[in-house]
């Protein structure tokens, strides 16, 4: 599941596979914005069948790939 989430994030952020570090702040680095969050949520639901409550998410909860992976694991 982790590799699939990383692939989704990489695709949305335009990063090459292997380029994203798990602790990289996606917002501070400019790779993620509110539009990308929506895209990511849609892809995670489509690919993994896990629905993210976009309106309830905070940047702090999804700032890094590691945090996104942890969130998806909690919801699965």
N, C-alpha and C. Protein backbone atom coordinates (compact mmCIF):
# COMPACT_ATOMS: atom_id res chain seq x y z
N UNK A 1 0.82 -1.19 0.00
CA UNK A 1 0.00 0.00 0.00
C UNK A 1 0.87 1.26 0.00
N UNK A 2 1.97 1.21 0.76
CA UNK A 2 2.84 2.38 0.84
C UNK A 2 3.37 2.80 -0.53
N UNK A 3 3.80 1.84 -1.32
CA UNK A 3 4.35 2.18 -2.63
C UNK A 3 3.28 2.76 -3.55
N UNK A 4 2.05 2.28 -3.44
CA UNK A 4 0.96 2.81 -4.25
C UNK A 4 0.67 4.26 -3.86
N UNK A 5 0.66 4.56 -2.57
CA UNK A 5 0.41 5.92 -2.10
C UNK A 5 1.53 6.85 -2.57
N UNK A 6 2.77 6.40 -2.46
CA UNK A 6 3.91 7.19 -2.92
C UNK A 6 3.79 7.45 -4.42
N UNK A 7 3.38 6.45 -5.18
CA UNK A 7 3.21 6.61 -6.62
C UNK A 7 2.12 7.63 -6.93
N UNK A 8 1.03 7.60 -6.19
CA UNK A 8 -0.06 8.57 -6.38
C UNK A 8 0.44 9.98 -6.09
N UNK A 9 1.12 10.15 -4.96
CA UNK A 9 1.64 11.47 -4.59
C UNK A 9 2.66 11.96 -5.62
N UNK A 10 3.56 11.08 -6.03
CA UNK A 10 4.57 11.46 -7.03
C UNK A 10 3.94 11.91 -8.32
N UNK A 11 2.93 11.17 -8.77
CA UNK A 11 2.24 11.51 -10.01
C UNK A 11 1.57 12.88 -9.91
N UNK A 12 0.88 13.13 -8.83
CA UNK A 12 0.17 14.40 -8.65
C UNK A 12 1.14 15.57 -8.50
N UNK A 13 2.24 15.34 -7.80
CA UNK A 13 3.22 16.41 -7.56
C UNK A 13 4.20 16.59 -8.71
N UNK A 14 4.18 15.67 -9.65
CA UNK A 14 5.11 15.76 -10.77
C UNK A 14 6.53 15.34 -10.39
N UNK A 15 6.66 14.56 -9.36
CA UNK A 15 7.97 14.09 -8.91
C UNK A 15 8.27 12.74 -9.53
N UNK A 16 9.53 12.48 -9.75
CA UNK A 16 9.95 11.18 -10.25
C UNK A 16 9.83 10.16 -9.13
N UNK A 17 9.58 8.92 -9.49
CA UNK A 17 9.50 7.88 -8.47
C UNK A 17 10.85 7.76 -7.77
N UNK A 18 10.83 7.70 -6.47
CA UNK A 18 12.05 7.65 -5.69
C UNK A 18 12.56 9.02 -5.27
N UNK A 19 11.98 10.07 -5.83
CA UNK A 19 12.40 11.44 -5.53
C UNK A 19 11.84 11.95 -4.20
N UNK A 20 10.65 11.50 -3.85
CA UNK A 20 10.02 11.98 -2.62
C UNK A 20 10.55 11.26 -1.40
N UNK A 21 10.94 12.04 -0.41
CA UNK A 21 11.34 11.46 0.87
C UNK A 21 10.12 11.44 1.77
N UNK A 22 10.04 10.46 2.64
CA UNK A 22 8.86 10.30 3.48
C UNK A 22 8.61 11.48 4.40
N UNK A 23 9.66 12.21 4.77
CA UNK A 23 9.48 13.34 5.68
C UNK A 23 9.49 14.70 4.98
N UNK A 24 9.43 14.72 3.66
CA UNK A 24 9.40 15.97 2.90
C UNK A 24 8.08 16.68 3.11
N UNK A 25 8.12 17.95 3.51
CA UNK A 25 6.89 18.73 3.65
C UNK A 25 6.43 19.14 2.26
N UNK A 26 5.34 18.54 1.82
CA UNK A 26 4.85 18.73 0.46
C UNK A 26 4.34 20.14 0.21
N UNK A 27 3.82 20.79 1.24
CA UNK A 27 3.29 22.13 1.08
C UNK A 27 4.40 23.17 1.08
N UNK A 28 5.34 23.05 2.02
CA UNK A 28 6.45 24.00 2.10
C UNK A 28 7.35 23.91 0.87
N UNK A 29 7.46 22.72 0.30
CA UNK A 29 8.29 22.53 -0.89
C UNK A 29 7.59 23.00 -2.17
N UNK A 30 6.30 23.30 -2.06
CA UNK A 30 5.54 23.76 -3.23
C UNK A 30 5.02 22.64 -4.11
N UNK A 31 5.16 21.42 -3.68
CA UNK A 31 4.70 20.29 -4.48
C UNK A 31 3.21 20.01 -4.33
N UNK A 32 2.62 20.47 -3.25
CA UNK A 32 1.20 20.18 -2.97
C UNK A 32 0.48 21.48 -2.67
N UNK A 33 -0.71 21.60 -3.24
CA UNK A 33 -1.60 22.71 -2.92
C UNK A 33 -3.00 22.14 -2.74
N UNK A 34 -3.98 23.00 -2.53
CA UNK A 34 -5.33 22.50 -2.24
C UNK A 34 -5.91 21.70 -3.42
N UNK A 35 -5.61 22.10 -4.63
CA UNK A 35 -6.09 21.35 -5.79
C UNK A 35 -5.47 19.96 -5.82
N UNK A 36 -4.18 19.88 -5.51
CA UNK A 36 -3.49 18.59 -5.50
C UNK A 36 -4.04 17.68 -4.40
N UNK A 37 -4.46 18.27 -3.27
CA UNK A 37 -5.04 17.47 -2.18
C UNK A 37 -6.31 16.79 -2.68
N UNK A 38 -7.14 17.52 -3.40
CA UNK A 38 -8.37 16.94 -3.94
C UNK A 38 -8.04 15.82 -4.92
N UNK A 39 -7.09 16.08 -5.80
CA UNK A 39 -6.67 15.05 -6.76
C UNK A 39 -6.17 13.80 -6.04
N UNK A 40 -5.36 14.01 -5.01
CA UNK A 40 -4.82 12.90 -4.25
C UNK A 40 -5.93 12.09 -3.59
N UNK A 41 -6.88 12.77 -2.99
CA UNK A 41 -7.99 12.09 -2.31
C UNK A 41 -8.80 11.26 -3.30
N UNK A 42 -9.04 11.80 -4.48
CA UNK A 42 -9.79 11.08 -5.51
C UNK A 42 -9.01 9.84 -5.95
N UNK A 43 -7.72 9.99 -6.17
CA UNK A 43 -6.89 8.86 -6.59
C UNK A 43 -6.81 7.78 -5.52
N UNK A 44 -6.67 8.18 -4.28
CA UNK A 44 -6.60 7.20 -3.19
C UNK A 44 -7.91 6.43 -3.10
N UNK A 45 -9.02 7.14 -3.24
CA UNK A 45 -10.32 6.45 -3.21
C UNK A 45 -10.47 5.51 -4.41
N UNK A 46 -10.08 5.98 -5.59
CA UNK A 46 -10.19 5.17 -6.80
C UNK A 46 -9.29 3.95 -6.75
N UNK A 47 -8.03 4.15 -6.38
CA UNK A 47 -7.04 3.08 -6.41
C UNK A 47 -7.11 2.14 -5.21
N UNK A 48 -7.42 2.71 -4.04
CA UNK A 48 -7.37 1.90 -2.81
C UNK A 48 -8.72 1.70 -2.14
N UNK A 49 -9.74 2.40 -2.63
CA UNK A 49 -11.07 2.26 -2.05
C UNK A 49 -11.21 2.88 -0.67
N UNK A 50 -10.34 3.84 -0.36
CA UNK A 50 -10.36 4.49 0.95
C UNK A 50 -10.74 5.95 0.76
N UNK A 51 -11.82 6.35 1.41
CA UNK A 51 -12.32 7.71 1.25
C UNK A 51 -11.71 8.63 2.30
N UNK A 52 -11.10 9.72 1.82
CA UNK A 52 -10.56 10.73 2.72
C UNK A 52 -11.56 11.87 2.84
N UNK A 53 -11.81 12.33 4.04
CA UNK A 53 -12.70 13.46 4.27
C UNK A 53 -11.92 14.74 3.99
N UNK A 54 -11.98 15.21 2.76
CA UNK A 54 -11.18 16.35 2.33
C UNK A 54 -11.45 17.58 3.18
N UNK A 55 -12.70 17.82 3.48
CA UNK A 55 -13.06 19.01 4.26
C UNK A 55 -12.54 18.94 5.69
N UNK A 56 -12.35 17.74 6.21
CA UNK A 56 -11.90 17.59 7.58
C UNK A 56 -10.38 17.49 7.74
N UNK A 57 -9.67 17.40 6.61
CA UNK A 57 -8.22 17.27 6.67
C UNK A 57 -7.55 18.62 6.93
N UNK A 58 -6.48 18.59 7.68
CA UNK A 58 -5.67 19.78 7.86
C UNK A 58 -4.32 19.55 7.19
N UNK A 59 -3.65 20.64 6.86
CA UNK A 59 -2.32 20.50 6.25
C UNK A 59 -1.38 19.73 7.16
N UNK A 60 -1.51 19.96 8.44
CA UNK A 60 -0.65 19.29 9.41
C UNK A 60 -0.79 17.77 9.33
N UNK A 61 -2.00 17.28 9.06
CA UNK A 61 -2.26 15.84 8.99
C UNK A 61 -1.70 15.20 7.73
N UNK A 62 -1.53 15.99 6.66
CA UNK A 62 -1.11 15.43 5.37
C UNK A 62 0.11 16.15 4.80
N UNK A 63 0.93 16.72 5.66
CA UNK A 63 2.06 17.52 5.20
C UNK A 63 3.15 16.71 4.53
N UNK A 64 3.31 15.47 4.93
CA UNK A 64 4.39 14.64 4.39
C UNK A 64 3.83 13.32 3.85
N UNK A 65 4.57 12.67 2.95
CA UNK A 65 4.12 11.35 2.50
C UNK A 65 3.94 10.37 3.66
N UNK A 66 4.80 10.43 4.67
CA UNK A 66 4.67 9.53 5.82
C UNK A 66 3.35 9.75 6.55
N UNK A 67 2.96 11.00 6.72
CA UNK A 67 1.69 11.31 7.39
C UNK A 67 0.50 10.84 6.56
N UNK A 68 0.59 10.98 5.26
CA UNK A 68 -0.49 10.53 4.38
C UNK A 68 -0.62 9.01 4.45
N UNK A 69 0.51 8.32 4.42
CA UNK A 69 0.49 6.86 4.54
C UNK A 69 -0.12 6.43 5.86
N UNK A 70 0.27 7.09 6.94
CA UNK A 70 -0.28 6.76 8.27
C UNK A 70 -1.78 6.99 8.31
N UNK A 71 -2.24 8.07 7.72
CA UNK A 71 -3.67 8.38 7.69
C UNK A 71 -4.44 7.31 6.92
N UNK A 72 -3.93 6.94 5.76
CA UNK A 72 -4.61 5.92 4.94
C UNK A 72 -4.63 4.59 5.69
N UNK A 73 -3.55 4.25 6.35
CA UNK A 73 -3.52 3.00 7.13
C UNK A 73 -4.57 3.01 8.24
N UNK A 74 -4.71 4.15 8.92
CA UNK A 74 -5.72 4.24 9.99
C UNK A 74 -7.13 4.08 9.44
N UNK A 75 -7.36 4.57 8.24
CA UNK A 75 -8.69 4.52 7.65
C UNK A 75 -9.00 3.20 6.96
N UNK A 76 -7.99 2.40 6.74
CA UNK A 76 -8.24 1.14 6.00
C UNK A 76 -8.60 0.00 6.94
